[in-house]
Protein backbone atom coordinates (compact mmCIF):
# COMPACT_ATOMS: atom_id res chain seq x y z
CA UNK A 1 -10.49 40.62 12.15
CA UNK A 2 -9.54 37.61 14.65
CA UNK A 3 -8.71 37.91 18.19
CA UNK A 4 -7.07 35.83 20.70
CA UNK A 5 -9.29 33.29 22.77
CA UNK A 6 -6.98 31.20 24.89
CA UNK A 7 -7.53 28.65 25.91
CA UNK A 8 -10.61 27.47 23.82
CA UNK A 9 -11.41 29.70 20.94
CA UNK A 10 -10.21 32.34 18.61
CA UNK A 11 -12.81 35.16 17.94
CA UNK A 12 -13.40 36.44 14.75
CA UNK A 13 -15.45 39.57 14.01
CA UNK A 14 -17.91 39.23 11.33
CA UNK A 15 -19.89 42.54 11.77
CA UNK A 16 -20.79 44.60 14.50
CA UNK A 17 -21.99 42.92 17.44
CA UNK A 18 -21.41 39.30 15.41
CA UNK A 19 -18.56 37.45 16.66
CA UNK A 20 -17.55 33.81 15.43
CA UNK A 21 -16.17 31.71 18.32
CA UNK A 22 -13.62 29.27 16.35
CA UNK A 23 -12.68 26.28 18.59
CA UNK A 24 -9.31 25.57 18.89
CA UNK A 25 -8.15 22.24 18.11
CA UNK A 26 -6.36 22.10 21.48
CA UNK A 27 -9.18 23.55 23.48
CA UNK A 28 -12.15 22.06 24.99
CA UNK A 29 -15.06 23.43 23.15
CA UNK A 30 -14.56 21.08 19.78
CA UNK A 31 -17.31 23.13 18.15
CA UNK A 32 -17.54 26.62 16.67
CA UNK A 33 -20.06 29.23 18.30
CA UNK A 34 -21.65 32.28 17.70
CA UNK A 35 -21.99 35.32 19.79
CA UNK A 36 -24.55 37.93 18.44
CA UNK A 37 -26.02 41.19 19.98
CA UNK A 38 -29.62 41.14 18.85
CA UNK A 39 -30.36 44.55 20.36
CA UNK A 40 -32.54 43.28 22.69
CA UNK A 41 -30.68 40.05 23.62
CA UNK A 42 -27.19 38.83 23.63
CA UNK A 43 -27.28 35.58 22.01
CA UNK A 44 -24.80 32.48 22.16
CA UNK A 45 -25.53 29.87 19.43
CA UNK A 46 -23.97 26.55 20.52
CA UNK A 47 -22.45 26.09 24.09
CA UNK A 48 -19.40 23.65 23.32
CA UNK A 49 -18.36 20.26 24.92
CA UNK A 50 -17.44 20.79 28.47
CA UNK A 51 -18.15 23.23 31.75
CA UNK A 52 -15.08 24.81 31.36
CA UNK A 53 -15.34 25.85 27.80
CA UNK A 54 -18.76 26.89 28.22
CA UNK A 55 -18.03 29.12 31.22
CA UNK A 56 -15.38 30.60 29.21
CA UNK A 57 -17.77 31.38 26.10
CA UNK A 58 -20.57 32.84 28.75
CA UNK A 59 -17.23 35.28 29.97
CA UNK A 60 -16.38 35.91 26.33
CA UNK A 61 -19.69 36.82 25.42
CA UNK A 62 -19.79 39.95 27.91
CA UNK A 63 -16.10 40.79 26.58
CA UNK A 64 -16.78 40.71 22.93
CA UNK A 65 -20.55 42.04 23.25
CA UNK A 66 -20.27 44.55 26.07
CA UNK A 67 -23.22 42.67 27.54
CA UNK A 68 -24.12 39.16 29.38
CA UNK A 69 -25.57 36.49 27.35
CA UNK A 70 -29.26 36.37 27.74
CA UNK A 71 -30.36 33.92 25.29
CA UNK A 72 -29.04 30.57 24.20
CA UNK A 73 -29.75 28.27 21.18
CA UNK A 74 -28.48 24.84 19.72
CA UNK A 75 -27.99 23.83 16.61
CA UNK A 76 -28.45 20.04 17.07
CA UNK A 77 -28.33 17.50 19.88
CA UNK A 78 -24.89 16.13 19.46
CA UNK A 79 -22.86 16.91 22.87
CA UNK A 80 -19.88 19.15 21.38
CA UNK A 81 -22.75 21.43 20.62
CA UNK A 82 -25.06 20.93 23.51
CA UNK A 83 -23.08 19.65 26.51
CA UNK A 84 -22.16 23.34 27.61
CA UNK A 85 -25.96 24.27 27.93
CA UNK A 86 -25.58 23.63 31.83
CA UNK A 87 -22.99 26.60 32.13
CA UNK A 88 -26.00 28.70 30.94
CA UNK A 89 -28.52 27.60 33.67
CA UNK A 90 -31.19 30.21 34.01
CA UNK A 91 -31.15 31.37 30.52
CA UNK A 92 -34.02 30.19 27.83
CA UNK A 93 -32.11 27.67 25.90
CA UNK A 94 -33.76 26.90 22.36
CA UNK A 95 -33.67 24.29 19.77
CA UNK A 96 -35.73 22.56 17.57
CA UNK A 97 -38.38 20.11 19.19
CA UNK A 98 -36.72 17.12 17.81
CA UNK A 99 -33.70 18.16 19.34
CA UNK A 100 -35.03 18.38 22.59
CA UNK A 101 -36.80 15.01 22.24
CA UNK A 102 -33.84 13.22 21.29
CA UNK A 103 -31.67 14.53 24.27
CA UNK A 104 -34.54 13.20 26.75
CA UNK A 105 -34.69 10.03 25.03
CA UNK A 106 -30.95 9.48 25.11
CA UNK A 107 -30.68 11.05 28.68
CA UNK A 108 -29.91 7.93 30.31
CA UNK A 109 -27.45 6.35 27.84
CA UNK A 110 -25.57 9.51 27.25
CA UNK A 111 -25.10 10.23 31.06
CA UNK A 112 -23.66 6.70 31.48
CA UNK A 113 -21.33 7.58 28.77
CA UNK A 114 -20.01 10.49 30.68
CA UNK A 115 -19.31 8.97 33.85
CA UNK A 116 -15.76 8.66 35.34
CA UNK A 117 -15.31 5.03 34.82
CA UNK A 118 -16.70 4.91 31.46
CA UNK A 119 -14.59 7.61 30.17
CA UNK A 120 -11.33 6.09 31.83
CA UNK A 121 -12.16 2.96 30.01
CA UNK A 122 -12.78 4.86 26.70
CA UNK A 123 -9.44 6.81 27.21
CA UNK A 124 -7.16 3.55 27.81
CA UNK A 125 -8.88 1.73 25.00
CA UNK A 126 -7.98 4.83 22.59
CA UNK A 127 -4.65 5.16 23.85
CA UNK A 128 -3.95 1.38 23.13
CA UNK A 129 -5.35 1.97 19.52
CA UNK A 130 -3.17 4.89 18.90
CA UNK A 131 -0.13 3.29 19.87
CA UNK A 132 -0.92 0.22 17.64
CA UNK A 133 -2.14 2.72 14.55
CA UNK A 134 0.03 2.73 11.45
CA UNK A 135 -1.58 5.04 9.18
CA UNK A 136 -1.15 8.84 9.64
CA UNK A 137 -4.97 9.16 8.85
CA UNK A 138 -5.96 6.64 11.81
CA UNK A 139 -3.29 8.41 14.15
CA UNK A 140 -5.01 11.83 13.53
CA UNK A 141 -8.35 10.69 13.96
CA UNK A 142 -7.28 8.67 17.06
CA UNK A 143 -5.65 11.84 18.59
CA UNK A 144 -8.35 14.00 17.93
CA UNK A 145 -10.91 11.51 19.80
CA UNK A 146 -8.65 10.74 22.50
CA UNK A 147 -8.35 14.74 23.29
CA UNK A 148 -12.15 14.64 23.08
CA UNK A 149 -12.49 11.87 25.69
CA UNK A 150 -9.84 13.15 27.81
CA UNK A 151 -11.48 16.57 28.08
CA UNK A 152 -14.79 14.79 29.10
CA UNK A 153 -12.86 12.84 31.75
CA UNK A 154 -11.13 15.98 33.07
CA UNK A 155 -14.72 17.27 33.41
CA UNK A 156 -16.54 14.00 34.82
CA UNK A 157 -18.79 14.65 37.53
CA UNK A 158 -19.51 18.08 36.40
CA UNK A 159 -21.44 17.28 33.27
CA UNK A 160 -24.75 17.43 32.79
CA UNK A 161 -27.41 16.69 30.02
CA UNK A 162 -29.32 19.90 29.58
CA UNK A 163 -31.95 19.84 26.85
CA UNK A 164 -33.18 23.01 25.35
CA UNK A 165 -36.19 24.26 27.54
CA UNK A 166 -37.77 26.34 24.70
CA UNK A 167 -38.39 24.75 21.39
CA UNK A 168 -39.48 25.60 17.65
CA UNK A 169 -40.27 23.55 14.42
CA UNK A 170 -39.26 25.26 11.58
CA UNK A 171 -38.46 28.95 11.88
CA UNK A 172 -38.35 31.34 15.02
CA UNK A 173 -37.87 35.32 14.81
CA UNK A 174 -35.53 36.33 17.68
CA UNK A 175 -35.87 39.59 19.43
CA UNK A 176 -34.32 42.69 18.43
CA UNK A 177 -33.72 44.60 15.32
CA UNK A 178 -31.68 42.53 13.51
CA UNK A 179 -34.24 40.14 11.84
CA UNK A 180 -32.31 37.28 13.06
CA UNK A 181 -33.99 33.79 12.78
CA UNK A 182 -33.53 30.14 13.84
CA UNK A 183 -34.32 28.12 10.90
CA UNK A 184 -34.76 24.32 10.71
CA UNK A 185 -35.19 22.65 7.37
CA UNK A 186 -35.63 19.61 9.16
CA UNK A 187 -33.51 16.31 8.89
CA UNK A 188 -29.95 16.55 7.36
CA UNK A 189 -26.80 16.30 9.45
CA UNK A 190 -29.12 15.11 12.27
CA UNK A 191 -32.92 14.70 12.68
CA UNK A 192 -33.72 18.30 12.97
CA UNK A 193 -30.79 20.77 12.86
CA UNK A 194 -31.20 24.69 13.19
CA UNK A 195 -29.51 27.72 11.58
CA UNK A 196 -29.11 30.99 12.81
CA UNK A 197 -29.81 33.52 10.06
CA UNK A 198 -28.84 37.03 10.05
CA UNK A 199 -30.19 38.09 6.76
CA UNK A 200 -29.28 41.74 6.83
CA UNK A 201 -25.78 41.35 7.26
CA UNK A 202 -25.87 37.78 5.21
CA UNK A 203 -24.36 35.85 7.95
CA UNK A 204 -25.44 32.26 8.63
CA UNK A 205 -24.36 30.16 11.60
CA UNK A 206 -24.90 26.45 10.20
CA UNK A 207 -23.84 24.14 12.92
CA UNK A 208 -22.75 20.85 11.44
CA UNK A 209 -24.84 21.25 8.14
CA UNK A 210 -21.37 22.74 7.23
CA UNK A 211 -18.25 21.25 8.48
CA UNK A 212 -14.64 21.98 7.08
CA UNK A 213 -11.35 20.38 7.67
CA UNK A 214 -12.77 17.41 9.61
CA UNK A 215 -15.04 14.81 8.97
CA UNK A 216 -18.60 15.43 8.99
CA UNK A 217 -20.31 12.69 11.02
CA UNK A 218 -23.11 11.25 8.81
CA UNK A 219 -24.52 8.54 11.38
CA UNK A 220 -27.16 10.54 12.95
CA UNK A 221 -28.71 11.98 9.64
CA UNK A 222 -30.26 11.76 6.36
CA UNK A 223 -27.93 12.35 3.36
CA UNK A 224 -30.54 13.07 0.56
CA UNK A 225 -32.25 15.34 2.65
CA UNK A 226 -28.84 17.11 3.73
CA UNK A 227 -28.08 17.40 0.22
CA UNK A 228 -31.18 19.41 -0.31
CA UNK A 229 -30.56 21.36 2.82
CA UNK A 230 -27.28 22.92 1.48
CA UNK A 231 -29.32 23.78 -1.56
CA UNK A 232 -32.10 25.68 0.44
CA UNK A 233 -28.99 27.44 2.43
CA UNK A 234 -27.56 28.46 -0.69
CA UNK A 235 -30.59 30.36 -1.72
CA UNK A 236 -30.44 32.36 1.90
CA UNK A 237 -27.38 33.89 -0.32
CA UNK A 238 -25.09 34.27 2.83
CA UNK A 239 -21.84 36.03 2.31
CA UNK A 240 -20.03 34.54 5.36
CA UNK A 241 -21.19 30.96 6.83
CA UNK A 242 -19.64 29.85 10.36
CA UNK A 243 -19.58 26.01 9.98
CA UNK A 244 -19.81 23.71 13.08
CA UNK A 245 -15.98 23.01 12.72
CA UNK A 246 -13.54 24.69 10.63
CA UNK A 247 -12.79 28.27 9.36
CA UNK A 248 -15.22 30.84 8.29
CA UNK A 249 -16.22 30.13 4.81
CA UNK A 250 -18.44 31.26 1.76
CA UNK A 251 -20.84 29.10 -0.48
CA UNK A 252 -17.58 27.67 -1.55
CA UNK A 253 -17.79 25.48 1.62
CA UNK A 254 -21.53 24.31 0.87
CA UNK A 255 -20.13 23.15 -2.52
CA UNK A 256 -17.46 21.01 -0.63
CA UNK A 257 -19.71 19.45 1.97
CA UNK A 258 -21.97 18.97 -1.20
CA UNK A 259 -19.17 17.06 -2.78
CA UNK A 260 -18.29 14.98 0.42
CA UNK A 261 -21.95 13.73 0.92
CA UNK A 262 -22.60 12.99 -2.72
CA UNK A 263 -19.07 11.32 -2.78
CA UNK A 264 -19.62 8.99 0.30
CA UNK A 265 -23.01 8.16 -0.95
CA UNK A 266 -21.42 7.26 -4.63
CA UNK A 267 -18.55 5.11 -2.89
CA UNK A 268 -21.15 3.46 -0.42
CA UNK A 269 -23.28 2.34 -3.91
CA UNK A 270 -20.02 1.23 -5.76
CA UNK A 271 -18.18 -1.97 -5.32
CA UNK A 272 -15.72 -1.94 -2.21
CA UNK A 273 -12.66 -2.36 -4.89
CA UNK A 274 -13.79 0.99 -7.00
CA UNK A 275 -11.44 3.79 -6.02
CA UNK A 276 -12.85 6.35 -3.74
CA UNK A 277 -14.49 9.63 -5.63
CA UNK A 278 -12.33 12.27 -6.05
CA UNK A 279 -14.40 14.52 -3.64
CA UNK A 280 -13.31 12.35 -0.53
CA UNK A 281 -10.14 10.86 -1.79
CA UNK A 282 -8.26 13.25 0.60
CA UNK A 283 -9.98 11.57 3.57
CA UNK A 284 -8.67 8.12 2.49
CA UNK A 285 -7.33 6.34 5.46
CA UNK A 286 -9.47 8.39 8.00
CA UNK A 287 -11.45 6.43 10.57
CA UNK A 288 -14.11 8.61 10.43
CA UNK A 289 -14.51 8.30 6.59
CA UNK A 290 -14.48 4.30 7.35
CA UNK A 291 -17.56 4.91 9.65
CA UNK A 292 -19.59 7.18 7.15
CA UNK A 293 -18.87 4.68 4.48
CA UNK A 294 -20.43 1.72 6.98
CA UNK A 295 -23.43 4.03 7.70
CA UNK A 296 -23.99 4.92 3.96
CA UNK A 297 -23.83 1.46 2.78
CA UNK A 298 -26.33 0.47 4.94
CA UNK A 299 -28.52 3.37 4.39
CA UNK A 300 -28.13 3.11 0.28
CA UNK A 301 -29.11 -0.67 0.64
CA UNK A 302 -32.31 0.28 3.02
CA UNK A 303 -33.29 3.01 0.66
CA UNK A 304 -32.90 1.08 -2.31
CA UNK A 305 -35.07 -1.70 -1.09
CA UNK A 306 -37.64 0.67 -0.38
CA UNK A 307 -37.65 1.72 -3.71
């Protein structure tokens, strides 16, 4: 059952004490999150993009679960999933070891991108691009990217990078009677993604390893390994999968992402004049697809040389 979650989320109950916080497109979270009563702790999986949406998520945890958040986890380092960490100060924040390392390595560069001046320049450039955009796909992409940057601009001066302070490598059993685990199969969407698995209830929070309805970014990851991770997720036999973006899905969502990633690799290996594969044809004209194809062409060329 879905419940209103203005202004940032709609909440969907997936089982007793298990809630998917589905990001509203007009909100400031951007990514989906999970709220889970573990029995001994109340877990928030992925903290969103802005301080305001993260504070709302912390409030919603107590409202939905009847107890305050006491544990946090990040699926990966991208800021739409981790910048809200700062609003959970004082709580243990878990992530893969590599996720923490990346946020520390990129701390200064990411902080520079979050300054008022940098964001103001970005917003003006995006507004100009939007004004000149001719295709519907480009306009849709630019409007969403502009919304993200305006949200960050509104929070400038209040946003702070807060990497996970507790780490694991491949598997971490969480406290409580659910048997919940954080699981990482290594590189995929990024260099080290984490899943939240609730095996008894067959619920999985997938982060951006599964994305529906918007372009999944490929530039931080390894497409071949991503496809392998999707196979491993399917073997976990989940009945409900909460993607990083988009509606709650089933294993059918895995097939959709698998088709997308494979389709981009196929297109990248083909002649530029070759029509796009059917699996990604509906994304034609999207700026994000252009970015993914550009990345994939370089990736395919590099891996072909290695072989």
